[in-house]
Protein backbone atom coordinates (compact mmCIF):
# COMPACT_ATOMS: atom_id res chain seq x y z
CA MET A 1 -49.03 50.33 -56.90
CA ALA A 2 -49.93 47.17 -55.01
CA GLU A 3 -52.03 44.54 -56.78
CA HIS A 4 -55.39 43.30 -55.50
CA PRO A 5 -55.60 39.74 -54.32
CA PRO A 6 -56.96 37.33 -56.94
CA GLY A 7 -60.34 37.08 -55.17
CA ASP A 8 -61.06 40.77 -55.94
CA ALA A 9 -61.21 40.39 -59.68
CA GLY A 10 -64.53 41.09 -61.46
CA GLN A 11 -66.58 38.58 -63.37
CA SER A 12 -64.59 39.26 -66.56
CA GLY A 13 -61.33 38.35 -64.82
CA GLU A 14 -59.83 41.82 -64.97
CA ARG A 15 -58.45 43.29 -61.82
CA ARG A 16 -60.03 46.38 -60.28
CA PRO A 17 -57.82 49.18 -59.06
CA PRO A 18 -57.84 49.88 -55.34
CA LEU A 19 -60.20 52.48 -53.98
CA PRO A 20 -58.51 55.86 -53.52
CA SER A 21 -58.26 57.07 -49.98
CA GLY A 22 -60.79 59.77 -48.96
CA GLY A 23 -63.18 61.75 -51.11
CA ASP A 24 -64.30 58.91 -53.40
CA ASN A 25 -68.04 58.24 -52.97
CA ARG A 26 -68.05 54.85 -54.61
CA SER A 27 -69.01 51.92 -52.39
CA PRO A 28 -66.44 49.10 -52.27
CA HIS A 29 -67.29 46.16 -54.53
CA LEU A 30 -67.93 42.74 -53.08
CA PRO A 31 -67.06 39.47 -54.81
CA GLY A 32 -69.78 38.56 -57.28
CA GLY A 33 -70.60 42.13 -58.23
CA GLY A 34 -72.76 43.13 -55.19
CA LYS A 35 -72.35 46.39 -53.33
CA THR A 36 -72.43 47.13 -49.66
CA PRO A 37 -75.89 48.35 -48.61
CA GLY A 38 -74.67 51.04 -46.23
CA LEU A 39 -74.69 54.75 -47.00
CA PRO A 40 -71.23 56.01 -48.12
CA SER A 41 -69.49 58.61 -46.06
CA GLY A 42 -68.76 62.01 -47.47
CA GLY A 43 -72.27 62.98 -48.61
CA GLY A 44 -72.40 60.89 -51.77
CA LYS A 45 -75.48 59.40 -53.38
CA THR A 46 -77.20 56.35 -51.97
CA PRO A 47 -75.80 53.24 -53.70
CA ASP A 48 -77.94 51.49 -56.26
CA PRO A 49 -79.90 48.45 -55.03
CA PRO A 50 -78.44 45.00 -55.67
CA SER A 51 -79.58 43.23 -58.78
CA GLY A 52 -82.78 41.26 -58.29
CA GLY A 53 -85.44 43.93 -58.78
CA GLY A 54 -86.08 44.90 -55.15
CA ASN A 55 -86.93 48.46 -54.20
CA ARG A 56 -84.28 50.44 -52.42
CA PRO A 57 -85.12 50.69 -48.70
CA VAL A 58 -85.99 54.15 -47.46
CA LEU A 59 -83.62 55.23 -44.73
CA PRO A 60 -84.91 57.45 -41.92
CA PRO A 61 -83.35 60.89 -41.48
CA GLY A 62 -80.25 61.12 -39.32
CA GLY A 63 -78.33 58.38 -41.08
CA GLY A 64 -79.96 55.47 -39.27
CA SER A 65 -79.84 52.04 -40.78
CA ARG A 66 -83.37 50.80 -40.16
CA PRO A 67 -85.35 50.87 -43.44
CA LEU A 68 -88.90 52.20 -43.48
CA LYS A 69 -91.36 49.97 -45.30
CA VAL A 70 -93.13 51.69 -48.19
CA PRO A 71 -96.68 50.37 -48.72
CA SER A 72 -97.15 48.89 -52.16
CA GLY A 73 -99.11 51.19 -54.40
CA GLY A 74 -99.37 53.93 -51.79
CA ALA A 75 -97.51 57.01 -50.77
CA ARG A 76 -94.39 56.70 -48.71
CA PRO A 77 -95.24 57.30 -45.03
CA ALA A 78 -93.69 60.29 -43.36
CA SER A 79 -91.07 59.56 -40.73
CA THR A 80 -91.04 60.95 -37.25
CA ALA A 81 -88.08 62.71 -35.71
CA GLY A 82 -86.97 59.47 -34.10
CA GLY A 83 -86.99 57.58 -37.37
CA GLY A 84 -90.28 55.68 -36.90
CA GLU A 85 -93.13 55.40 -39.37
CA ARG A 86 -96.01 57.86 -39.32
CA PRO A 87 -98.87 56.84 -41.62
CA PRO A 88 -100.56 59.61 -43.61
CA LEU A 89 -103.55 61.20 -41.93
CA PRO A 90 -106.92 60.19 -43.37
CA SER A 91 -108.96 62.85 -45.14
CA ALA A 92 -112.17 64.22 -43.64
CA ALA A 93 -114.20 62.19 -46.12
CA GLU A 94 -112.35 59.01 -45.13
CA VAL A 95 -113.04 59.69 -41.45
CA LEU A 96 -116.74 60.24 -42.12
CA ASP A 97 -116.94 57.11 -44.25
CA ARG A 98 -115.37 55.10 -41.43
CA VAL A 99 -117.60 56.55 -38.69
CA LEU A 100 -120.91 56.50 -40.55
CA GLU A 101 -120.53 53.33 -42.63
CA GLY A 102 -123.37 50.96 -41.83
CA ARG A 103 -125.02 53.49 -39.50
CA PRO A 104 -128.05 54.96 -41.25
CA LEU A 105 -129.27 56.87 -38.18
CA LEU A 106 -128.01 60.24 -36.99
CA ALA A 107 -129.92 60.72 -33.75
CA ILE A 108 -130.29 64.47 -33.20
CA LEU A 109 -130.78 65.01 -29.45
CA ARG A 110 -131.79 68.66 -29.22
CA ASN A 111 -132.56 70.65 -26.03
CA LEU A 112 -133.05 67.62 -23.79
CA PRO A 113 -132.02 67.27 -20.14
CA ILE A 114 -128.54 65.82 -19.78
CA ALA A 115 -129.76 62.56 -18.19
CA ARG A 116 -132.27 62.01 -21.03
CA THR A 117 -129.65 62.87 -23.64
CA VAL A 118 -127.17 60.37 -22.22
CA ALA A 119 -129.80 57.63 -21.91
CA LEU A 120 -130.91 58.06 -25.52
CA ALA A 121 -127.30 58.17 -26.69
CA GLU A 122 -126.59 54.84 -25.03
CA ALA A 123 -129.68 53.30 -26.58
CA VAL A 124 -128.67 54.57 -30.04
CA TRP A 125 -125.18 53.12 -29.71
CA ASP A 126 -126.55 49.85 -28.34
CA SER A 127 -128.58 49.45 -31.53
CA GLY A 128 -125.40 49.45 -33.61
CA LEU A 129 -127.17 51.54 -36.26
CA GLY A 130 -126.67 55.08 -35.09
CA THR A 131 -124.46 58.05 -34.35
CA VAL A 132 -125.39 60.76 -31.85
CA VAL A 133 -125.61 64.47 -32.68
CA VAL A 134 -126.01 67.13 -29.98
CA PRO A 135 -126.77 70.56 -31.48
CA LEU A 136 -125.15 73.56 -29.79
CA HIS A 137 -128.23 75.77 -29.85
CA ALA A 138 -128.10 76.85 -26.22
CA PRO A 139 -125.45 77.15 -23.47
CA ALA A 140 -126.94 74.17 -21.63
CA SER A 141 -126.43 71.98 -24.70
CA ARG A 142 -122.66 72.31 -24.25
CA ASP A 143 -122.88 70.35 -21.01
CA ALA A 144 -125.00 67.72 -22.73
CA LEU A 145 -122.47 67.42 -25.56
CA ALA A 146 -119.62 67.12 -23.06
CA ALA A 147 -121.46 64.34 -21.19
CA VAL A 148 -122.18 62.46 -24.41
CA SER A 149 -118.57 62.91 -25.55
CA ARG A 150 -117.20 61.43 -22.32
CA LEU A 151 -119.48 58.42 -22.63
CA ALA A 152 -118.61 58.05 -26.32
CA ALA A 153 -114.90 57.95 -25.48
CA GLU A 154 -115.51 55.19 -22.94
CA ARG A 155 -117.46 53.13 -25.48
CA GLY A 156 -115.24 53.74 -28.49
CA GLU A 157 -117.92 55.86 -30.17
CA VAL A 158 -117.86 59.46 -31.40
CA ALA A 159 -120.00 62.46 -30.51
CA VAL A 160 -121.11 64.93 -33.18
CA ALA A 161 -121.70 68.63 -32.58
CA GLY A 162 -124.64 69.98 -34.56
CA GLY A 163 -125.89 73.49 -35.22
CA ILE A 164 -122.44 74.91 -36.02
CA LEU A 165 -123.69 78.11 -37.67
CA THR A 166 -120.61 80.28 -37.10
CA PRO A 167 -116.85 79.63 -36.86
CA ASP A 168 -116.72 80.68 -33.20
CA LEU A 169 -118.74 77.59 -32.24
CA VAL A 170 -116.04 75.24 -33.52
CA PRO A 171 -113.69 75.70 -30.50
CA THR A 172 -116.67 75.07 -28.22
CA ALA A 173 -117.45 71.85 -30.05
CA LYS A 174 -113.86 70.69 -29.83
CA LYS A 175 -113.53 71.60 -26.16
CA SER A 176 -116.74 69.66 -25.46
CA GLY A 177 -115.20 66.55 -27.00
CA ALA A 178 -116.96 66.41 -30.36
CA ALA A 179 -115.19 64.56 -33.17
CA ILE A 180 -117.35 65.87 -36.06
CA THR A 181 -119.29 69.07 -36.72
CA VAL A 182 -122.58 69.48 -38.60
CA ALA A 183 -124.37 72.57 -39.91
CA PRO A 184 -127.74 73.04 -41.63
CA GLY A 185 -126.13 75.16 -44.37
CA PHE A 186 -122.80 75.63 -46.13
CA ASP A 187 -120.39 78.29 -44.82
CA VAL A 188 -116.83 78.09 -46.15
CA ASP A 189 -115.44 79.76 -43.01
CA VAL A 190 -117.11 77.20 -40.74
CA LEU A 191 -115.70 74.45 -42.95
CA ARG A 192 -112.19 75.94 -42.90
CA VAL A 193 -112.08 76.50 -39.12
CA SER A 194 -113.53 73.06 -38.39
CA LEU A 195 -110.99 71.27 -40.57
CA ALA A 196 -108.17 73.35 -39.07
CA ALA A 197 -109.32 72.13 -35.64
CA GLY A 198 -109.15 68.53 -36.83
CA LEU A 199 -112.92 68.07 -36.98
CA PRO A 200 -114.49 66.75 -40.20
CA HIS A 201 -117.45 68.92 -41.15
CA ILE A 202 -120.82 68.02 -42.69
CA PRO A 203 -122.56 71.11 -44.08
CA GLY A 204 -126.07 71.37 -45.39
CA ALA A 205 -127.23 71.95 -48.95
CA VAL A 206 -130.57 71.85 -50.77
CA THR A 207 -130.17 73.01 -54.36
CA ALA A 208 -127.85 71.64 -57.02
CA THR A 209 -125.87 74.90 -56.92
CA GLU A 210 -125.32 74.60 -53.17
CA VAL A 211 -124.33 70.95 -53.46
CA GLN A 212 -121.82 71.74 -56.19
CA ARG A 213 -120.26 74.58 -54.18
CA ALA A 214 -119.83 72.27 -51.20
CA TYR A 215 -118.44 69.53 -53.42
CA ARG A 216 -115.85 71.86 -54.92
CA ALA A 217 -114.84 72.86 -51.40
CA GLY A 218 -114.03 69.21 -50.68
CA CYS A 219 -117.21 68.11 -48.88
CA ARG A 220 -118.35 64.54 -49.62
CA TRP A 221 -121.08 64.26 -46.97
CA LEU A 222 -124.01 66.71 -46.91
CA THR A 223 -127.25 67.08 -45.01
CA VAL A 224 -130.41 67.90 -46.95
CA ALA A 225 -133.18 69.54 -44.94
CA PRO A 226 -136.08 69.81 -44.48
CA ALA A 227 -136.31 66.39 -46.06
CA ALA A 228 -139.99 65.82 -45.28
CA SER A 229 -140.94 69.03 -47.09
CA LEU A 230 -138.69 68.28 -50.07
CA GLY A 231 -139.70 64.64 -50.39
CA PRO A 232 -137.81 61.50 -51.44
CA ASP A 233 -137.85 62.53 -55.12
CA TRP A 234 -135.67 65.54 -54.29
CA ILE A 235 -133.12 63.25 -52.68
CA ARG A 236 -133.29 60.92 -55.66
CA ASP A 237 -132.62 63.73 -58.14
CA LEU A 238 -129.66 65.09 -56.14
CA HIS A 239 -128.24 61.60 -55.75
CA GLN A 240 -128.44 60.97 -59.48
CA SER A 241 -126.76 64.31 -60.26
CA PHE A 242 -124.05 63.92 -57.61
CA PRO A 243 -123.41 60.19 -57.14
CA GLY A 244 -120.08 60.89 -55.42
CA ILE A 245 -121.73 62.68 -52.49
CA SER A 246 -123.29 60.93 -49.50
CA LEU A 247 -126.59 62.59 -48.61
CA ILE A 248 -128.15 62.68 -45.15
CA ALA A 249 -131.88 63.38 -45.28
CA ALA A 250 -132.89 65.31 -42.16
CA GLY A 251 -135.94 67.10 -40.85
CA GLY A 252 -139.33 65.48 -40.46
CA ILE A 253 -138.07 61.89 -40.71
CA THR A 254 -140.50 59.41 -39.15
CA PRO A 255 -140.82 55.62 -39.00
CA ASP A 256 -143.38 55.88 -41.80
CA ASN A 257 -141.23 57.75 -44.35
CA ALA A 258 -137.71 56.61 -43.35
CA SER A 259 -137.46 53.73 -45.81
CA GLY A 260 -138.60 55.94 -48.70
CA PHE A 261 -135.65 58.29 -48.25
CA LEU A 262 -133.19 55.42 -48.02
CA LEU A 263 -134.58 53.87 -51.19
CA ALA A 264 -134.26 57.26 -52.90
CA GLY A 265 -130.51 57.26 -52.28
CA ALA A 266 -130.00 58.84 -48.85
CA ARG A 267 -127.04 57.25 -47.12
CA ALA A 268 -128.29 58.17 -43.64
CA LEU A 269 -131.20 59.90 -41.92
CA GLY A 270 -131.12 62.71 -39.38
CA VAL A 271 -133.92 62.02 -36.91
CA ASP A 272 -134.96 64.33 -34.07
CA ASN A 273 -138.56 64.67 -32.90
CA ALA A 274 -139.49 61.11 -33.85
CA LEU A 275 -137.10 59.87 -31.15
CA LEU A 276 -138.90 61.60 -28.28
CA PRO A 277 -141.94 59.31 -27.71
CA PRO A 278 -141.26 56.38 -25.35
CA ASP A 279 -141.18 53.93 -28.25
CA GLY A 280 -139.78 56.41 -30.79
CA LEU A 281 -136.27 55.02 -31.05
CA THR A 282 -137.54 51.45 -31.27
CA ALA A 283 -139.88 52.39 -34.10
CA ILE A 284 -137.11 54.14 -36.04
CA ILE A 285 -134.68 51.27 -35.54
CA THR A 286 -137.32 48.83 -36.76
CA ALA A 287 -137.90 50.92 -39.87
CA LEU A 288 -134.18 51.13 -40.61
CA ALA A 289 -133.45 47.48 -39.93
């Protein structure tokens, strides 16, 4: 057996035997005790990281050598077929938080001519305080939603499809370009189909039992209607019982009562008829600001 050159001795001075040819999965040792970072051939385990406390790099599938960076404190991102990073998809609640944060107005543009719908949508977005909802209550409203969705895409906004009472309306909403669906009540099938289509869903709830059912189904944003009939105290009581849910007070909201619902704990307001007078939007924006 041939001896190793003197430079291949370990730190203790003893000589290491040569690596056997084939079949051995050990990585060759480097002077100073380090190991080669590459993956060994033959299907063996990934070598341990060098001393120094660093995390072992995650190698993409296919044996590539480019490590994928693992975010500190988070889950490891999934890798694509080509070995690149693919960040985890946000949850529906995270999407809604991002879209509606700092926007206390959900402008519900129901059964209006397309030109009027688009003009109001632009004014809502220009205010910086609102998101636009087009309910799908009639066949003509689909064209209005599609027009608003196209404009929203150009402006970096989102369009919301309202009035999603049955699961069969979800494909219509998606085809029309909506990014979110809203319903006045809670239907688990509507929720399931909407999420499967990639559209976060905001159902409606009034009683504590309904709110809890929606919460257990994963919903973190809910509409409460008719808000004007229920009153701000109703919103306050629900908010205190379910502090982890964002409530949208809708139905009968006016410039006169808007601030009362926000003070009671509503995170946003769904406004419809109060937007129709010539100065309606301005009055609502003033009340919210």
